[in-house]
PDB file of N, CA and C in Angstrom:
ATOM      1  N   MET A   1      37.535 -13.149 -11.170  1.00  0.00           N
ATOM      2  CA  MET A   1      36.904 -12.369 -12.216  1.00  0.00           C
ATOM      3  C   MET A   1      36.870 -10.920 -11.767  1.00  0.00           C
ATOM      4  N   SER A   2      37.385 -10.020 -12.584  1.00  0.00           N
ATOM      5  CA  SER A   2      37.366  -8.607 -12.228  1.00  0.00           C
ATOM      6  C   SER A   2      36.170  -7.940 -12.885  1.00  0.00           C
ATOM      7  N   LEU A   3      35.668  -6.928 -12.220  1.00  0.00           N
ATOM      8  CA  LEU A   3      34.513  -6.206 -12.707  1.00  0.00           C
ATOM      9  C   LEU A   3      34.968  -4.839 -13.159  1.00  0.00           C
ATOM     10  N   ASN A   4      34.925  -4.604 -14.444  1.00  0.00           N
ATOM     11  CA  ASN A   4      35.280  -3.303 -14.992  1.00  0.00           C
ATOM     12  C   ASN A   4      34.011  -2.520 -15.234  1.00  0.00           C
ATOM     13  N   ILE A   5      33.901  -1.362 -14.604  1.00  0.00           N
ATOM     14  CA  ILE A   5      32.719  -0.529 -14.733  1.00  0.00           C
ATOM     15  C   ILE A   5      33.091   0.698 -15.543  1.00  0.00           C
ATOM     16  N   ASN A   6      32.395   0.917 -16.619  1.00  0.00           N
ATOM     17  CA  ASN A   6      32.584   2.102 -17.436  1.00  0.00           C
ATOM     18  C   ASN A   6      31.533   3.119 -17.017  1.00  0.00           C
ATOM     19  N   PHE A   7      31.962   4.159 -16.317  1.00  0.00           N
ATOM     20  CA  PHE A   7      31.014   5.120 -15.775  1.00  0.00           C
ATOM     21  C   PHE A   7      30.380   5.971 -16.871  1.00  0.00           C
ATOM     22  N   ASP A   8      31.015   6.072 -18.039  1.00  0.00           N
ATOM     23  CA  ASP A   8      30.392   6.790 -19.140  1.00  0.00           C
ATOM     24  C   ASP A   8      29.139   6.071 -19.600  1.00  0.00           C
ATOM     25  N   SER A   9      29.199   4.750 -19.681  1.00  0.00           N
ATOM     26  CA  SER A   9      28.019   4.000 -20.109  1.00  0.00           C
ATOM     27  C   SER A   9      26.937   4.020 -19.037  1.00  0.00           C
ATOM     28  N   ILE A  10      27.339   4.068 -17.769  1.00  0.00           N
ATOM     29  CA  ILE A  10      26.347   4.163 -16.691  1.00  0.00           C
ATOM     30  C   ILE A  10      25.622   5.500 -16.762  1.00  0.00           C
ATOM     31  N   SER A  11      26.380   6.559 -17.025  1.00  0.00           N
ATOM     32  CA  SER A  11      25.744   7.878 -17.109  1.00  0.00           C
ATOM     33  C   SER A  11      24.770   7.948 -18.273  1.00  0.00           C
ATOM     34  N   LYS A  12      25.052   7.208 -19.356  1.00  0.00           N
ATOM     35  CA  LYS A  12      24.129   7.180 -20.485  1.00  0.00           C
ATOM     36  C   LYS A  12      22.832   6.476 -20.118  1.00  0.00           C
ATOM     37  N   VAL A  13      22.911   5.492 -19.238  1.00  0.00           N
ATOM     38  CA  VAL A  13      21.709   4.788 -18.794  1.00  0.00           C
ATOM     39  C   VAL A  13      20.785   5.748 -18.058  1.00  0.00           C
ATOM     40  N   PHE A  14      21.391   6.602 -17.217  1.00  0.00           N
ATOM     41  CA  PHE A  14      20.583   7.522 -16.418  1.00  0.00           C
ATOM     42  C   PHE A  14      20.243   8.803 -17.161  1.00  0.00           C
ATOM     43  N   GLU A  15      20.855   9.035 -18.308  1.00  0.00           N
ATOM     44  CA  GLU A  15      20.626  10.270 -19.039  1.00  0.00           C
ATOM     45  C   GLU A  15      19.158  10.436 -19.398  1.00  0.00           C
ATOM     46  N   LYS A  16      18.519   9.370 -19.822  1.00  0.00           N
ATOM     47  CA  LYS A  16      17.106   9.431 -20.178  1.00  0.00           C
ATOM     48  C   LYS A  16      16.247   9.719 -18.952  1.00  0.00           C
ATOM     49  N   GLN A  17      16.610   9.119 -17.823  1.00  0.00           N
ATOM     50  CA  GLN A  17      15.814   9.291 -16.616  1.00  0.00           C
ATOM     51  C   GLN A  17      15.907  10.723 -16.086  1.00  0.00           C
ATOM     52  N   PHE A  18      17.122  11.290 -16.111  1.00  0.00           N
ATOM     53  CA  PHE A  18      17.313  12.615 -15.549  1.00  0.00           C
ATOM     54  C   PHE A  18      16.969  13.723 -16.524  1.00  0.00           C
ATOM     55  N   SER A  19      16.827  13.416 -17.804  1.00  0.00           N
ATOM     56  CA  SER A  19      16.501  14.457 -18.768  1.00  0.00           C
ATOM     57  C   SER A  19      15.088  14.982 -18.550  1.00  0.00           C
ATOM     58  N   SER A  20      14.204  14.170 -18.010  1.00  0.00           N
ATOM     59  CA  SER A  20      12.841  14.620 -17.750  1.00  0.00           C
ATOM     60  C   SER A  20      12.778  15.550 -16.547  1.00  0.00           C
ATOM     61  N   ILE A  21      13.827  15.608 -15.751  1.00  0.00           N
ATOM     62  CA  ILE A  21      13.841  16.454 -14.570  1.00  0.00           C
ATOM     63  C   ILE A  21      14.085  17.906 -14.938  1.00  0.00           C
ATOM     64  N   ASN A  22      14.860  18.151 -15.973  1.00  0.00           N
ATOM     65  CA  ASN A  22      15.188  19.510 -16.377  1.00  0.00           C
ATOM     66  C   ASN A  22      13.939  20.233 -16.837  1.00  0.00           C
ATOM     67  N   THR A  23      13.902  21.560 -16.599  1.00  0.00           N
ATOM     68  CA  THR A  23      12.779  22.355 -17.079  1.00  0.00           C
ATOM     69  C   THR A  23      12.924  22.521 -18.570  1.00  0.00           C
ATOM     70  N   ASN A  24      11.837  22.344 -19.305  1.00  0.00           N
ATOM     71  CA  ASN A  24      11.894  22.338 -20.757  1.00  0.00           C
ATOM     72  C   ASN A  24      11.433  23.642 -21.387  1.00  0.00           C
ATOM     73  N   SER A  25      10.502  24.328 -20.790  1.00  0.00           N
ATOM     74  CA  SER A  25       9.964  25.517 -21.429  1.00  0.00           C
ATOM     75  C   SER A  25      10.832  26.722 -21.151  1.00  0.00           C
ATOM     76  N   ALA A  26      10.881  27.637 -22.100  1.00  0.00           N
ATOM     77  CA  ALA A  26      11.707  28.840 -21.958  1.00  0.00           C
ATOM     78  C   ALA A  26      11.141  29.767 -20.885  1.00  0.00           C
ATOM     79  N   SER A  27       9.829  29.748 -20.696  1.00  0.00           N
ATOM     80  CA  SER A  27       9.225  30.622 -19.700  1.00  0.00           C
ATOM     81  C   SER A  27       9.514  30.166 -18.276  1.00  0.00           C
ATOM     82  N   ASN A  28       9.853  28.902 -18.076  1.00  0.00           N
ATOM     83  CA  ASN A  28      10.116  28.375 -16.745  1.00  0.00           C
ATOM     84  C   ASN A  28      11.606  28.267 -16.441  1.00  0.00           C
ATOM     85  N   GLN A  29      12.460  28.932 -17.205  1.00  0.00           N
ATOM     86  CA  GLN A  29      13.890  28.813 -16.987  1.00  0.00           C
ATOM     87  C   GLN A  29      14.305  29.403 -15.647  1.00  0.00           C
ATOM     88  N   THR A  30      13.564  30.396 -15.158  1.00  0.00           N
ATOM     89  CA  THR A  30      13.921  31.005 -13.885  1.00  0.00           C
ATOM     90  C   THR A  30      13.440  30.194 -12.703  1.00  0.00           C
ATOM     91  N   SER A  31      12.472  29.308 -12.911  1.00  0.00           N
ATOM     92  CA  SER A  31      11.987  28.497 -11.795  1.00  0.00           C
ATOM     93  C   SER A  31      12.995  27.396 -11.487  1.00  0.00           C
ATOM     94  N   GLN A  32      13.130  27.071 -10.244  1.00  0.00           N
ATOM     95  CA  GLN A  32      14.087  26.067  -9.792  1.00  0.00           C
ATOM     96  C   GLN A  32      13.335  24.825  -9.343  1.00  0.00           C
ATOM     97  N   ILE A  33      13.921  23.675  -9.624  1.00  0.00           N
ATOM     98  CA  ILE A  33      13.339  22.430  -9.152  1.00  0.00           C
ATOM     99  C   ILE A  33      13.906  22.157  -7.753  1.00  0.00           C
ATOM    100  N   SER A  34      13.059  21.732  -6.854  1.00  0.00           N
ATOM    101  CA  SER A  34      13.530  21.504  -5.491  1.00  0.00           C
ATOM    102  C   SER A  34      14.333  20.209  -5.415  1.00  0.00           C
ATOM    103  N   PHE A  35      15.169  20.125  -4.413  1.00  0.00           N
ATOM    104  CA  PHE A  35      16.015  18.948  -4.217  1.00  0.00           C
ATOM    105  C   PHE A  35      15.156  17.711  -3.976  1.00  0.00           C
ATOM    106  N   VAL A  36      14.072  17.880  -3.248  1.00  0.00           N
ATOM    107  CA  VAL A  36      13.175  16.759  -2.957  1.00  0.00           C
ATOM    108  C   VAL A  36      12.554  16.249  -4.250  1.00  0.00           C
ATOM    109  N   ASP A  37      12.128  17.166  -5.124  1.00  0.00           N
ATOM    110  CA  ASP A  37      11.554  16.751  -6.402  1.00  0.00           C
ATOM    111  C   ASP A  37      12.587  16.034  -7.261  1.00  0.00           C
ATOM    112  N   PHE A  38      13.819  16.529  -7.240  1.00  0.00           N
ATOM    113  CA  PHE A  38      14.898  15.902  -7.993  1.00  0.00           C
ATOM    114  C   PHE A  38      15.123  14.468  -7.517  1.00  0.00           C
ATOM    115  N   LEU A  39      15.201  14.283  -6.205  1.00  0.00           N
ATOM    116  CA  LEU A  39      15.402  12.946  -5.661  1.00  0.00           C
ATOM    117  C   LEU A  39      14.214  12.030  -5.965  1.00  0.00           C
ATOM    118  N   TYR A  40      13.014  12.579  -5.865  1.00  0.00           N
ATOM    119  CA  TYR A  40      11.820  11.778  -6.125  1.00  0.00           C
ATOM    120  C   TYR A  40      11.805  11.297  -7.578  1.00  0.00           C
ATOM    121  N   LYS A  41      12.115  12.182  -8.512  1.00  0.00           N
ATOM    122  CA  LYS A  41      12.119  11.784  -9.915  1.00  0.00           C
ATOM    123  C   LYS A  41      13.250  10.813 -10.213  1.00  0.00           C
ATOM    124  N   ALA A  42      14.384  10.981  -9.545  1.00  0.00           N
ATOM    125  CA  ALA A  42      15.487  10.041  -9.737  1.00  0.00           C
ATOM    126  C   ALA A  42      15.092   8.653  -9.234  1.00  0.00           C
ATOM    127  N   LEU A  43      14.417   8.595  -8.089  1.00  0.00           N
ATOM    128  CA  LEU A  43      13.958   7.309  -7.566  1.00  0.00           C
ATOM    129  C   LEU A  43      12.881   6.695  -8.456  1.00  0.00           C
ATOM    130  N   GLU A  44      12.048   7.532  -9.055  1.00  0.00           N
ATOM    131  CA  GLU A  44      11.067   7.016 -10.002  1.00  0.00           C
ATOM    132  C   GLU A  44      11.765   6.383 -11.206  1.00  0.00           C
ATOM    133  N   GLY A  45      12.870   6.987 -11.634  1.00  0.00           N
ATOM    134  CA  GLY A  45      13.639   6.425 -12.733  1.00  0.00           C
ATOM    135  C   GLY A  45      14.207   5.066 -12.395  1.00  0.00           C
ATOM    136  N   VAL A  46      14.732   4.932 -11.183  1.00  0.00           N
ATOM    137  CA  VAL A  46      15.262   3.633 -10.739  1.00  0.00           C
ATOM    138  C   VAL A  46      14.130   2.613 -10.660  1.00  0.00           C
ATOM    139  N   ASP A  47      12.999   3.044 -10.163  1.00  0.00           N
ATOM    140  CA  ASP A  47      11.845   2.145 -10.065  1.00  0.00           C
ATOM    141  C   ASP A  47      11.389   1.690 -11.450  1.00  0.00           C
ATOM    142  N   SER A  48      11.390   2.594 -12.408  1.00  0.00           N
ATOM    143  CA  SER A  48      10.967   2.198 -13.756  1.00  0.00           C
ATOM    144  C   SER A  48      11.953   1.205 -14.375  1.00  0.00           C
ATOM    145  N   LEU A  49      13.247   1.351 -14.073  1.00  0.00           N
ATOM    146  CA  LEU A  49      14.222   0.369 -14.556  1.00  0.00           C
ATOM    147  C   LEU A  49      13.985  -0.998 -13.916  1.00  0.00           C
ATOM    148  N   GLN A  50      13.630  -1.014 -12.636  1.00  0.00           N
ATOM    149  CA  GLN A  50      13.325  -2.266 -11.948  1.00  0.00           C
ATOM    150  C   GLN A  50      12.090  -2.934 -12.559  1.00  0.00           C
ATOM    151  N   LYS A  51      11.082  -2.135 -12.846  1.00  0.00           N
ATOM    152  CA  LYS A  51       9.853  -2.684 -13.433  1.00  0.00           C
ATOM    153  C   LYS A  51      10.102  -3.205 -14.841  1.00  0.00           C
ATOM    154  N   GLU A  52      10.918  -2.497 -15.613  1.00  0.00           N
ATOM    155  CA  GLU A  52      11.246  -2.953 -16.961  1.00  0.00           C
ATOM    156  C   GLU A  52      12.005  -4.273 -16.915  1.00  0.00           C
ATOM    157  N   ALA A  53      12.921  -4.406 -15.961  1.00  0.00           N
ATOM    158  CA  ALA A  53      13.668  -5.666 -15.820  1.00  0.00           C
ATOM    159  C   ALA A  53      12.726  -6.805 -15.468  1.00  0.00           C
ATOM    160  N   GLU A  54      11.804  -6.554 -14.562  1.00  0.00           N
ATOM    161  CA  GLU A  54      10.840  -7.591 -14.185  1.00  0.00           C
ATOM    162  C   GLU A  54       9.962  -7.975 -15.376  1.00  0.00           C
ATOM    163  N   TYR A  55       9.548  -6.980 -16.133  1.00  0.00           N
ATOM    164  CA  TYR A  55       8.721  -7.232 -17.321  1.00  0.00           C
ATOM    165  C   TYR A  55       9.471  -8.072 -18.349  1.00  0.00           C
ATOM    166  N   GLN A  56      10.720  -7.718 -18.636  1.00  0.00           N
ATOM    167  CA  GLN A  56      11.516  -8.466 -19.607  1.00  0.00           C
ATOM    168  C   GLN A  56      11.773  -9.900 -19.137  1.00  0.00           C
ATOM    169  N   ASN A  57      12.040 -10.049 -17.842  1.00  0.00           N
ATOM    170  CA  ASN A  57      12.249 -11.399 -17.293  1.00  0.00           C
ATOM    171  C   ASN A  57      10.989 -12.243 -17.405  1.00  0.00           C
ATOM    172  N   ASN A  58       9.845 -11.650 -17.108  1.00  0.00           N
ATOM    173  CA  ASN A  58       8.586 -12.378 -17.217  1.00  0.00           C
ATOM    174  C   ASN A  58       8.289 -12.778 -18.657  1.00  0.00           C
ATOM    175  N   LEU A  59       8.563 -11.865 -19.607  1.00  0.00           N
ATOM    176  CA  LEU A  59       8.360 -12.206 -21.016  1.00  0.00           C
ATOM    177  C   LEU A  59       9.201 -13.410 -21.417  1.00  0.00           C
ATOM    178  N   PHE A  60      10.448 -13.409 -20.971  1.00  0.00           N
ATOM    179  CA  PHE A  60      11.327 -14.519 -21.325  1.00  0.00           C
ATOM    180  C   PHE A  60      10.887 -15.814 -20.656  1.00  0.00           C
ATOM    181  N   LEU A  61      10.516 -15.738 -19.373  1.00  0.00           N
ATOM    182  CA  LEU A  61      10.107 -16.934 -18.646  1.00  0.00           C
ATOM    183  C   LEU A  61       8.823 -17.540 -19.194  1.00  0.00           C
ATOM    184  N   LEU A  62       7.932 -16.688 -19.695  1.00  0.00           N
ATOM    185  CA  LEU A  62       6.680 -17.181 -20.255  1.00  0.00           C
ATOM    186  C   LEU A  62       6.832 -17.651 -21.692  1.00  0.00           C
ATOM    187  N   GLY A  63       8.018 -17.465 -22.264  1.00  0.00           N
ATOM    188  CA  GLY A  63       8.247 -17.906 -23.623  1.00  0.00           C
ATOM    189  C   GLY A  63       7.766 -16.931 -24.673  1.00  0.00           C
ATOM    190  N   LEU A  64       7.399 -15.728 -24.270  1.00  0.00           N
ATOM    191  CA  LEU A  64       6.912 -14.728 -25.219  1.00  0.00           C
ATOM    192  C   LEU A  64       8.058 -13.993 -25.901  1.00  0.00           C
ATOM    193  N   SER A  65       9.248 -14.131 -25.370  1.00  0.00           N
ATOM    194  CA  SER A  65      10.439 -13.516 -25.965  1.00  0.00           C
ATOM    195  C   SER A  65      11.491 -14.593 -26.151  1.00  0.00           C
ATOM    196  N   THR A  66      12.067 -14.626 -27.324  1.00  0.00           N
ATOM    197  CA  THR A  66      13.116 -15.617 -27.587  1.00  0.00           C
ATOM    198  C   THR A  66      14.502 -15.007 -27.460  1.00  0.00           C
ATOM    199  N   ASN A  67      14.569 -13.763 -27.033  1.00  0.00           N
ATOM    200  CA  ASN A  67      15.833 -13.054 -26.928  1.00  0.00           C
ATOM    201  C   ASN A  67      16.199 -12.855 -25.455  1.00  0.00           C
ATOM    202  N   PRO A  68      17.030 -13.707 -24.885  1.00  0.00           N
ATOM    203  CA  PRO A  68      17.365 -13.559 -23.462  1.00  0.00           C
ATOM    204  C   PRO A  68      18.237 -12.338 -23.183  1.00  0.00           C
ATOM    205  N   GLN A  69      18.864 -11.785 -24.223  1.00  0.00           N
ATOM    206  CA  GLN A  69      19.713 -10.617 -24.007  1.00  0.00           C
ATOM    207  C   GLN A  69      18.909  -9.423 -23.499  1.00  0.00           C
ATOM    208  N   ASP A  70      17.667  -9.285 -23.947  1.00  0.00           N
ATOM    209  CA  ASP A  70      16.834  -8.180 -23.471  1.00  0.00           C
ATOM    210  C   ASP A  70      16.626  -8.261 -21.968  1.00  0.00           C
ATOM    211  N   ALA A  71      16.348  -9.459 -21.481  1.00  0.00           N
ATOM    212  CA  ALA A  71      16.137  -9.647 -20.043  1.00  0.00           C
ATOM    213  C   ALA A  71      17.425  -9.413 -19.267  1.00  0.00           C
ATOM    214  N   ILE A  72      18.532  -9.874 -19.805  1.00  0.00           N
ATOM    215  CA  ILE A  72      19.822  -9.716 -19.116  1.00  0.00           C
ATOM    216  C   ILE A  72      20.219  -8.243 -19.046  1.00  0.00           C
ATOM    217  N   VAL A  73      20.083  -7.540 -20.166  1.00  0.00           N
ATOM    218  CA  VAL A  73      20.457  -6.120 -20.195  1.00  0.00           C
ATOM    219  C   VAL A  73      19.562  -5.310 -19.261  1.00  0.00           C
ATOM    220  N   ALA A  74      18.269  -5.567 -19.286  1.00  0.00           N
ATOM    221  CA  ALA A  74      17.350  -4.837 -18.409  1.00  0.00           C
ATOM    222  C   ALA A  74      17.664  -5.119 -16.941  1.00  0.00           C
ATOM    223  N   SER A  75      18.003  -6.356 -16.612  1.00  0.00           N
ATOM    224  CA  SER A  75      18.338  -6.706 -15.227  1.00  0.00           C
ATOM    225  C   SER A  75      19.629  -6.020 -14.787  1.00  0.00           C
ATOM    226  N   GLU A  76      20.614  -5.962 -15.666  1.00  0.00           N
ATOM    227  CA  GLU A  76      21.873  -5.302 -15.325  1.00  0.00           C
ATOM    228  C   GLU A  76      21.700  -3.800 -15.157  1.00  0.00           C
ATOM    229  N   LYS A  77      20.887  -3.181 -16.015  1.00  0.00           N
ATOM    230  CA  LYS A  77      20.601  -1.751 -15.870  1.00  0.00           C
ATOM    231  C   LYS A  77      19.947  -1.475 -14.521  1.00  0.00           C
ATOM    232  N   ALA A  78      18.978  -2.299 -14.165  1.00  0.00           N
ATOM    233  CA  ALA A  78      18.281  -2.114 -12.893  1.00  0.00           C
ATOM    234  C   ALA A  78      19.219  -2.339 -11.718  1.00  0.00           C
ATOM    235  N   SER A  79      20.094  -3.331 -11.823  1.00  0.00           N
ATOM    236  CA  SER A  79      21.043  -3.613 -10.755  1.00  0.00           C
ATOM    237  C   SER A  79      22.027  -2.465 -10.562  1.00  0.00           C
ATOM    238  N   ILE A  80      22.551  -1.942 -11.659  1.00  0.00           N
ATOM    239  CA  ILE A  80      23.499  -0.833 -11.568  1.00  0.00           C
ATOM    240  C   ILE A  80      22.816   0.417 -11.028  1.00  0.00           C
ATOM    241  N   ALA A  81      21.580   0.672 -11.464  1.00  0.00           N
ATOM    242  CA  ALA A  81      20.839   1.826 -10.961  1.00  0.00           C
ATOM    243  C   ALA A  81      20.602   1.715  -9.463  1.00  0.00           C
ATOM    244  N   LEU A  82      20.267   0.529  -8.994  1.00  0.00           N
ATOM    245  CA  LEU A  82      20.036   0.326  -7.568  1.00  0.00           C
ATOM    246  C   LEU A  82      21.332   0.486  -6.781  1.00  0.00           C
ATOM    247  N   GLN A  83      22.430  -0.052  -7.290  1.00  0.00           N
ATOM    248  CA  GLN A  83      23.717   0.093  -6.619  1.00  0.00           C
ATOM    249  C   GLN A  83      24.130   1.557  -6.529  1.00  0.00           C
ATOM    250  N   LEU A  84      23.924   2.300  -7.614  1.00  0.00           N
ATOM    251  CA  LEU A  84      24.248   3.725  -7.610  1.00  0.00           C
ATOM    252  C   LEU A  84      23.387   4.472  -6.605  1.00  0.00           C
ATOM    253  N   THR A  85      22.109   4.143  -6.552  1.00  0.00           N
ATOM    254  CA  THR A  85      21.201   4.783  -5.604  1.00  0.00           C
ATOM    255  C   THR A  85      21.632   4.512  -4.160  1.00  0.00           C
ATOM    256  N   LEU A  86      22.021   3.291  -3.882  1.00  0.00           N
ATOM    257  CA  LEU A  86      22.471   2.956  -2.525  1.00  0.00           C
ATOM    258  C   LEU A  86      23.754   3.687  -2.161  1.00  0.00           C
ATOM    259  N   GLN A  87      24.671   3.819  -3.115  1.00  0.00           N
ATOM    260  CA  GLN A  87      25.914   4.536  -2.845  1.00  0.00           C
ATOM    261  C   GLN A  87      25.655   6.018  -2.603  1.00  0.00           C
ATOM    262  N   ILE A  88      24.735   6.600  -3.354  1.00  0.00           N
ATOM    263  CA  ILE A  88      24.379   8.005  -3.134  1.00  0.00           C
ATOM    264  C   ILE A  88      23.747   8.172  -1.765  1.00  0.00           C
ATOM    265  N   ARG A  89      22.871   7.243  -1.396  1.00  0.00           N
ATOM    266  CA  ARG A  89      22.252   7.313  -0.066  1.00  0.00           C
ATOM    267  C   ARG A  89      23.306   7.218   1.030  1.00  0.00           C
ATOM    268  N   ASN A  90      24.276   6.320   0.862  1.00  0.00           N
ATOM    269  CA  ASN A  90      25.334   6.171   1.858  1.00  0.00           C
ATOM    270  C   ASN A  90      26.159   7.439   1.987  1.00  0.00           C
ATOM    271  N   LYS A  91      26.458   8.081   0.862  1.00  0.00           N
ATOM    272  CA  LYS A  91      27.232   9.324   0.891  1.00  0.00           C
ATOM    273  C   LYS A  91      26.448  10.441   1.574  1.00  0.00           C
ATOM    274  N   ILE A  92      25.152  10.504   1.315  1.00  0.00           N
ATOM    275  CA  ILE A  92      24.322  11.524   1.963  1.00  0.00           C
ATOM    276  C   ILE A  92      24.285  11.288   3.470  1.00  0.00           C
ATOM    277  N   LEU A  93      24.133  10.036   3.888  1.00  0.00           N
ATOM    278  CA  LEU A  93      24.115   9.734   5.322  1.00  0.00           C
ATOM    279  C   LEU A  93      25.462  10.030   5.978  1.00  0.00           C
ATOM    280  N   ASP A  94      26.555   9.728   5.282  1.00  0.00           N
ATOM    281  CA  ASP A  94      27.881  10.040   5.819  1.00  0.00           C
ATOM    282  C   ASP A  94      28.055  11.549   5.991  1.00  0.00           C
ATOM    283  N   ALA A  95      27.596  12.318   5.004  1.00  0.00           N
ATOM    284  CA  ALA A  95      27.700  13.775   5.094  1.00  0.00           C
ATOM    285  C   ALA A  95      26.851  14.304   6.249  1.00  0.00           C
ATOM    286  N   TYR A  96      25.645  13.766   6.409  1.00  0.00           N
ATOM    287  CA  TYR A  96      24.777  14.191   7.507  1.00  0.00           C
ATOM    288  C   TYR A  96      25.419  13.880   8.857  1.00  0.00           C
ATOM    289  N   ASN A  97      25.958  12.676   8.996  1.00  0.00           N
ATOM    290  CA  ASN A  97      26.606  12.309  10.259  1.00  0.00           C
ATOM    291  C   ASN A  97      27.820  13.180  10.542  1.00  0.00           C
ATOM    292  N   GLU A  98      28.561  13.525   9.505  1.00  0.00           N
ATOM    293  CA  GLU A  98      29.726  14.398   9.686  1.00  0.00           C
ATOM    294  C   GLU A  98      29.294  15.786  10.144  1.00  0.00           C
ATOM    295  N   ILE A  99      28.233  16.293   9.582  1.00  0.00           N
ATOM    296  CA  ILE A  99      27.713  17.604   9.995  1.00  0.00           C
ATOM    297  C   ILE A  99      27.234  17.554  11.435  1.00  0.00           C
ATOM    298  N   MET A 100      26.587  16.460  11.828  1.00  0.00           N
ATOM    299  CA  MET A 100      26.095  16.344  13.193  1.00  0.00           C
ATOM    300  C   MET A 100      27.217  16.239  14.206  1.00  0.00           C
ATOM    301  N   ARG A 101      28.387  15.760  13.791  1.00  0.00           N
ATOM    302  CA  ARG A 101      29.524  15.656  14.695  1.00  0.00           C
ATOM    303  C   ARG A 101      30.293  16.951  14.865  1.00  0.00           C
ATOM    304  N   MET A 102      30.011  17.915  14.011  1.00  0.00           N
ATOM    305  CA  MET A 102      30.723  19.201  14.088  1.00  0.00           C
ATOM    306  C   MET A 102      30.346  19.932  15.359  1.00  0.00           C
ATOM    307  N   GLN A 103      31.354  20.536  15.951  1.00  0.00           N
ATOM    308  CA  GLN A 103      31.105  21.342  17.141  1.00  0.00           C
ATOM    309  C   GLN A 103      30.848  22.778  16.714  1.00  0.00           C
ATOM    310  N   VAL A 104      29.827  23.348  17.320  1.00  0.00           N
ATOM    311  CA  VAL A 104      29.467  24.727  16.956  1.00  0.00           C
ATOM    312  C   VAL A 104      30.009  25.693  17.958  1.00  0.00           C
TER     313      VAL A 104
END
């Protein structure tokens, strides 16, 4: 079985999560969001997807939802978000290790 990943649809999943990170007011356009804040909000987005998946699964298991597709979709969104987060972490660690190996 091959796994075809459409990165456009993945980016749409995260679009809602990352849209809250952008500055919204016109008066704050000159202020910059720090990298740490960006990462923290991105991780909060992944966490909220995980919690939503758990909530949907619990609803289905308790018989409060007759639509298993909601639980499946929420679980897949959370899984893809977690996989993306792990890959980003791996890339950051690889970049850090490469910088540490550089001779000055």
